[in-house]
Amino acid sequence: MSTAVGALNIFPNPNLSAESGWSAELGIKQGVKIGKWLGYADAALFVTQYTNMMEFAFGVYNPDSIPLNLNPNHPGYLTNWVGFRAQNAEEARVSGIDLSIIGKGKIFKKIDMTVFAGYTYMRPITLNTDTNYLYSFSDAATIRTIDGKDAMILKYRFQHMAKADVQFDYKKIGFGFSVRYNSNVYNIDRTFENLEVKIGGGQLPLGDYILPGLPEYRKEHNRGACVADMRLAYTVAKGTRIAAVVNNVFNLEYMGRPGDVQAPRTFALQAVVTF
């Protein structure tokens, strides 16, 4: 595959091998009734094993016949050859547990309340011991596996994810809030933070040219992100509802991946008509 989305380039890899794997899941779901409250709890263990797992690696992929250059009109202009390329990571395993609970009932006899909460713990590890591959990780973050050995956490993966949503409804008025949490991404491509490329007769630190300040940003925001949203709705008539929504209530600065800083606090007015 060879394509581009804005300034993001995707380069082909003719040596890519097919990915294969297997997965298994064991779960249980239990209904719960407490007074007039109804709901259920759900728990699941899961594991996925990959062989020749494909992942996109960030780097500079100019052919040997085209040297890099800082002239925008030159075919070797640096940004023309910086991007992602699919590669095989040999073996990897993603395992973990997923917990969730959903419930609905009344408070103060007149207010309907709906609650949803979920938590996922993952162990996304590489089983590839090749030193060249492991050197491409930005952090030597390790996790102990079930066989007693240490393995590195895969790039761009969360270990902890949690979310909760509570909704209150009273006659025509509805109010709700939600919270979602993602833990810190320990590993990204090392090239984002530490790569020098040859241009002319010298070396150019790629980090100073592509996403400058990223290492400092990741050190400052290495605690994960907990984002809250709120909404207030009113049913005008049957099938018609208007709502005021505030996303990222506390105006948290965070990003999902390098260069992908998420939206600040935003306000929206919605009108929903069902017919």
Protein backbone atom coordinates (compact mmCIF):
# COMPACT_ATOMS: atom_id res chain seq x y z
CA MET A 1 0.00 0.00 0.00
CA SER A 2 1.22 3.47 -0.88
CA THR A 3 -0.85 6.50 0.02
CA ALA A 4 -0.86 9.84 1.82
CA VAL A 5 -3.35 11.57 4.11
CA GLY A 6 -2.42 15.23 4.43
CA ALA A 7 1.21 15.28 5.56
CA LEU A 8 1.10 11.62 6.63
CA ASN A 9 2.82 9.27 4.18
CA ILE A 10 2.33 5.50 4.03
CA PHE A 11 5.07 3.62 2.16
CA PRO A 12 4.84 0.12 0.65
CA ASN A 13 6.78 -2.88 1.92
CA PRO A 14 7.09 -5.58 -0.77
CA ASN A 15 8.72 -7.95 1.76
CA LEU A 16 5.72 -7.99 4.10
CA SER A 17 4.51 -11.46 5.13
CA ALA A 18 0.93 -12.44 5.93
CA GLU A 19 -0.14 -12.19 9.56
CA SER A 20 -1.76 -15.14 11.32
CA GLY A 21 -2.96 -15.83 14.82
CA TRP A 22 -5.57 -17.19 17.15
CA SER A 23 -7.69 -15.80 19.97
CA ALA A 24 -9.71 -17.14 22.87
CA GLU A 25 -12.13 -15.63 25.36
CA LEU A 26 -13.82 -16.92 28.48
CA GLY A 27 -16.59 -14.82 29.99
CA ILE A 28 -19.51 -14.77 32.36
CA LYS A 29 -22.56 -12.52 32.50
CA GLN A 30 -24.77 -12.31 35.58
CA GLY A 31 -28.09 -10.53 35.93
CA VAL A 32 -28.57 -8.49 39.09
CA LYS A 33 -31.74 -7.28 40.80
CA ILE A 34 -31.67 -5.16 43.95
CA GLY A 35 -35.09 -3.84 44.86
CA LYS A 36 -36.31 -2.05 41.75
CA TRP A 37 -32.80 -1.82 40.32
CA LEU A 38 -32.05 -4.08 37.37
CA GLY A 39 -28.77 -4.69 35.62
CA TYR A 40 -26.02 -7.14 34.85
CA ALA A 41 -22.32 -7.62 35.42
CA ASP A 42 -19.99 -8.98 32.77
CA ALA A 43 -16.43 -10.31 33.10
CA ALA A 44 -14.20 -11.78 30.39
CA LEU A 45 -10.66 -13.07 30.08
CA PHE A 46 -9.12 -12.83 26.62
CA VAL A 47 -5.90 -13.64 24.81
CA THR A 48 -4.75 -13.16 21.22
CA GLN A 49 -1.52 -14.63 19.86
CA TYR A 50 0.02 -13.22 16.67
CA THR A 51 2.58 -14.64 14.27
CA ASN A 52 4.18 -12.19 11.83
CA MET A 53 2.12 -9.47 13.44
CA MET A 54 1.93 -6.40 11.22
CA GLU A 55 2.56 -2.97 12.67
CA PHE A 56 3.29 0.41 11.14
CA ALA A 57 6.76 1.74 11.93
CA PHE A 58 7.67 5.43 11.66
CA GLY A 59 10.86 6.33 9.84
CA VAL A 60 12.56 7.73 6.76
CA TYR A 61 12.06 5.52 3.69
CA ASN A 62 13.82 7.22 0.79
CA PRO A 63 15.41 4.85 -1.76
CA ASP A 64 19.20 4.78 -2.01
CA SER A 65 18.98 6.45 -5.41
CA ILE A 66 17.33 9.59 -3.96
CA PRO A 67 19.40 11.35 -1.27
CA LEU A 68 17.58 13.48 1.28
CA ASN A 69 17.43 17.23 0.77
CA LEU A 70 15.88 20.25 2.50
CA ASN A 71 14.92 21.93 -0.77
CA PRO A 72 11.10 21.69 -1.18
CA ASN A 73 11.55 21.43 -4.95
CA HIS A 74 14.01 18.54 -4.74
CA PRO A 75 12.70 14.94 -5.19
CA GLY A 76 14.55 14.01 -1.99
CA TYR A 77 12.81 16.68 0.13
CA LEU A 78 12.78 15.25 3.64
CA THR A 79 9.03 15.36 4.33
CA ASN A 80 8.36 13.43 1.10
CA TRP A 81 10.03 10.36 2.59
CA VAL A 82 9.04 10.52 6.25
CA GLY A 83 6.09 8.41 7.34
CA PHE A 84 4.94 4.91 8.23
CA ARG A 85 5.56 1.54 6.64
CA ALA A 86 4.04 -1.82 7.58
CA GLN A 87 6.48 -4.38 8.91
CA ASN A 88 6.34 -7.78 10.58
CA ALA A 89 7.02 -7.88 14.30
CA GLU A 90 7.25 -11.68 14.50
CA GLU A 91 5.32 -12.98 17.51
CA ALA A 92 3.23 -10.95 19.95
CA ARG A 93 0.56 -11.60 22.54
CA VAL A 94 -2.26 -9.42 23.84
CA SER A 95 -4.06 -10.74 26.91
CA GLY A 96 -6.13 -9.23 29.68
CA ILE A 97 -9.45 -8.93 31.43
CA ASP A 98 -12.54 -6.86 30.70
CA LEU A 99 -15.10 -5.94 33.37
CA SER A 100 -18.37 -4.06 32.92
CA ILE A 101 -21.58 -3.34 34.77
CA ILE A 102 -24.85 -1.82 33.59
CA GLY A 103 -27.75 -0.90 35.85
CA LYS A 104 -31.01 1.05 35.79
CA GLY A 105 -33.36 2.12 38.55
CA LYS A 106 -34.95 5.05 40.36
CA ILE A 107 -33.71 7.50 42.98
CA PHE A 108 -36.01 9.69 45.06
CA LYS A 109 -38.83 7.65 43.46
CA LYS A 110 -39.14 10.01 40.49
CA ILE A 111 -35.73 10.18 38.85
CA ASP A 112 -34.61 7.43 36.49
CA MET A 113 -30.92 6.66 36.76
CA THR A 114 -28.83 4.63 34.31
CA VAL A 115 -25.25 3.62 35.09
CA PHE A 116 -22.59 2.04 32.92
CA ALA A 117 -19.00 1.36 33.97
CA GLY A 118 -16.23 -0.67 32.40
CA TYR A 119 -12.56 -1.42 32.91
CA THR A 120 -10.04 -3.22 30.70
CA TYR A 121 -6.56 -4.35 31.66
CA MET A 122 -4.29 -5.47 28.83
CA ARG A 123 -0.85 -7.02 28.58
CA PRO A 124 0.22 -6.19 25.01
CA ILE A 125 3.71 -7.68 24.72
CA THR A 126 6.13 -8.53 21.95
CA LEU A 127 7.71 -11.99 21.94
CA ASN A 128 10.31 -10.87 19.39
CA THR A 129 13.79 -10.93 20.99
CA ASP A 130 15.65 -9.46 18.01
CA THR A 131 17.78 -6.60 19.35
CA ASN A 132 17.35 -4.47 16.22
CA TYR A 133 13.59 -4.67 16.55
CA LEU A 134 13.62 -3.98 20.30
CA TYR A 135 15.88 -0.96 19.72
CA SER A 136 13.05 0.63 17.74
CA PHE A 137 11.07 1.03 20.99
CA SER A 138 11.26 4.43 22.68
CA ASP A 139 11.26 3.02 26.22
CA ALA A 140 12.55 -0.20 27.73
CA ALA A 141 9.24 -0.65 29.55
CA THR A 142 8.81 -4.32 30.47
CA ILE A 143 6.05 -6.49 31.83
CA ARG A 144 6.40 -9.93 33.41
CA THR A 145 4.71 -12.66 31.42
CA ILE A 146 3.00 -15.80 32.69
CA ASP A 147 6.05 -17.93 31.89
CA GLY A 148 8.26 -15.88 34.21
CA LYS A 149 10.09 -13.94 31.50
CA ASP A 150 10.12 -10.21 30.84
CA ALA A 151 8.80 -8.84 27.55
CA MET A 152 8.42 -5.33 26.18
CA ILE A 153 5.08 -3.59 25.88
CA LEU A 154 4.04 -3.15 22.26
CA LYS A 155 4.20 0.33 20.78
CA TYR A 156 1.15 2.62 20.87
CA ARG A 157 -0.74 0.39 23.32
CA PHE A 158 -2.58 1.21 26.56
CA GLN A 159 -2.46 -1.12 29.54
CA HIS A 160 -5.39 0.36 31.43
CA MET A 161 -8.65 1.70 30.03
CA ALA A 162 -11.72 2.67 32.03
CA LYS A 163 -14.98 4.46 31.31
CA ALA A 164 -18.15 5.33 33.18
CA ASP A 165 -21.40 7.02 32.24
CA VAL A 166 -24.29 8.13 34.46
CA GLN A 167 -27.61 9.44 33.15
CA PHE A 168 -30.46 11.03 35.13
CA ASP A 169 -33.91 11.56 33.63
CA TYR A 170 -36.76 13.46 35.25
CA LYS A 171 -39.88 13.98 33.17
CA LYS A 172 -38.63 15.93 30.10
CA ILE A 173 -35.22 16.80 31.50
CA GLY A 174 -32.11 14.66 31.18
CA PHE A 175 -28.65 15.17 32.63
CA GLY A 176 -25.60 13.00 32.23
CA PHE A 177 -21.85 12.89 32.56
CA SER A 178 -19.17 10.48 31.48
CA VAL A 179 -15.53 9.88 32.34
CA ARG A 180 -12.98 7.94 30.31
CA TYR A 181 -9.39 7.07 31.23
CA ASN A 182 -6.48 5.75 29.19
CA SER A 183 -3.14 5.03 30.82
CA ASN A 184 0.15 6.32 29.48
CA VAL A 185 1.48 4.96 26.19
CA TYR A 186 4.90 3.73 27.28
CA ASN A 187 6.30 2.91 23.89
CA ILE A 188 6.26 4.68 20.55
CA ASP A 189 8.72 4.50 17.67
CA ARG A 190 12.15 5.59 18.88
CA THR A 191 12.58 7.55 15.65
CA PHE A 192 10.02 10.09 16.88
CA GLU A 193 12.34 11.04 19.74
CA ASN A 194 15.85 10.08 18.70
CA LEU A 195 16.83 9.87 15.04
CA GLU A 196 19.44 11.64 12.96
CA VAL A 197 19.31 11.48 9.18
CA LYS A 198 22.09 12.17 6.69
CA ILE A 199 21.51 15.27 4.56
CA GLY A 200 24.35 16.53 2.42
CA GLY A 201 27.55 16.15 4.40
CA GLY A 202 25.98 16.43 7.85
CA GLN A 203 23.45 14.97 10.26
CA LEU A 204 20.02 16.44 10.94
CA PRO A 205 18.17 15.51 14.16
CA LEU A 206 14.79 14.41 12.82
CA GLY A 207 13.10 15.22 16.13
CA ASP A 208 13.97 18.89 15.64
CA TYR A 209 12.29 18.86 12.23
CA ILE A 210 9.34 16.46 12.69
CA LEU A 211 7.16 17.08 15.79
CA PRO A 212 9.69 19.22 17.70
CA GLY A 213 9.22 19.09 21.47
CA LEU A 214 7.66 15.61 21.48
CA PRO A 215 10.10 14.03 24.01
CA GLU A 216 9.52 16.89 26.46
CA TYR A 217 5.75 16.66 25.97
CA ARG A 218 5.72 12.91 26.64
CA LYS A 219 7.76 13.33 29.83
CA GLU A 220 5.36 15.99 31.08
CA HIS A 221 2.22 14.02 30.17
CA ASN A 222 3.27 10.49 31.14
CA ARG A 223 0.47 9.86 33.63
CA GLY A 224 -2.34 8.96 31.26
CA ALA A 225 -5.46 11.01 30.64
CA CYS A 226 -8.82 11.18 32.41
CA VAL A 227 -11.38 13.14 30.38
CA ALA A 228 -14.88 14.15 31.50
CA ASP A 229 -17.90 15.16 29.39
CA MET A 230 -21.31 16.53 30.43
CA ARG A 231 -24.69 16.93 28.75
CA LEU A 232 -28.07 18.49 29.54
CA ALA A 233 -31.12 17.66 27.42
CA TYR A 234 -34.77 18.67 27.20
CA THR A 235 -37.53 16.87 25.33
CA VAL A 236 -39.47 19.55 23.48
CA ALA A 237 -42.07 17.18 22.05
CA LYS A 238 -42.42 13.51 21.26
CA GLY A 239 -39.44 12.53 19.14
CA THR A 240 -37.74 15.94 19.47
CA ARG A 241 -34.96 16.70 21.95
CA ILE A 242 -32.42 19.48 22.27
CA ALA A 243 -29.21 19.12 24.23
CA ALA A 244 -26.25 21.18 25.38
CA VAL A 245 -23.01 19.20 25.45
CA VAL A 246 -19.63 20.07 26.97
CA ASN A 247 -16.74 17.81 25.98
CA ASN A 248 -13.44 17.77 27.88
CA VAL A 249 -15.01 19.73 30.74
CA PHE A 250 -11.72 20.39 32.54
CA ASN A 251 -9.89 21.41 29.35
CA LEU A 252 -7.28 18.67 29.69
CA GLU A 253 -4.37 18.71 27.27
CA TYR A 254 -3.65 15.20 26.03
CA MET A 255 -2.93 13.19 22.89
CA GLY A 256 -3.71 9.71 21.65
CA ARG A 257 -0.56 9.29 19.54
CA PRO A 258 2.41 11.53 18.66
CA GLY A 259 1.21 14.71 17.00
CA ASP A 260 -2.47 13.92 17.63
CA VAL A 261 -3.30 16.44 20.37
CA GLN A 262 -6.99 16.06 21.21
CA ALA A 263 -9.59 18.82 21.19
CA PRO A 264 -9.75 21.26 24.13
CA ARG A 265 -12.99 22.04 25.95
CA THR A 266 -15.77 22.32 23.37
CA PHE A 267 -19.41 23.33 23.57
CA ALA A 268 -22.10 21.98 21.27
CA LEU A 269 -25.85 22.43 20.86
CA GLN A 270 -27.67 19.45 19.44
CA ALA A 271 -31.17 18.89 18.12
CA VAL A 272 -32.34 15.29 17.72
CA VAL A 273 -35.53 14.56 15.79
CA THR A 274 -36.79 10.98 15.53
CA PHE A 275 -39.42 10.12 12.95
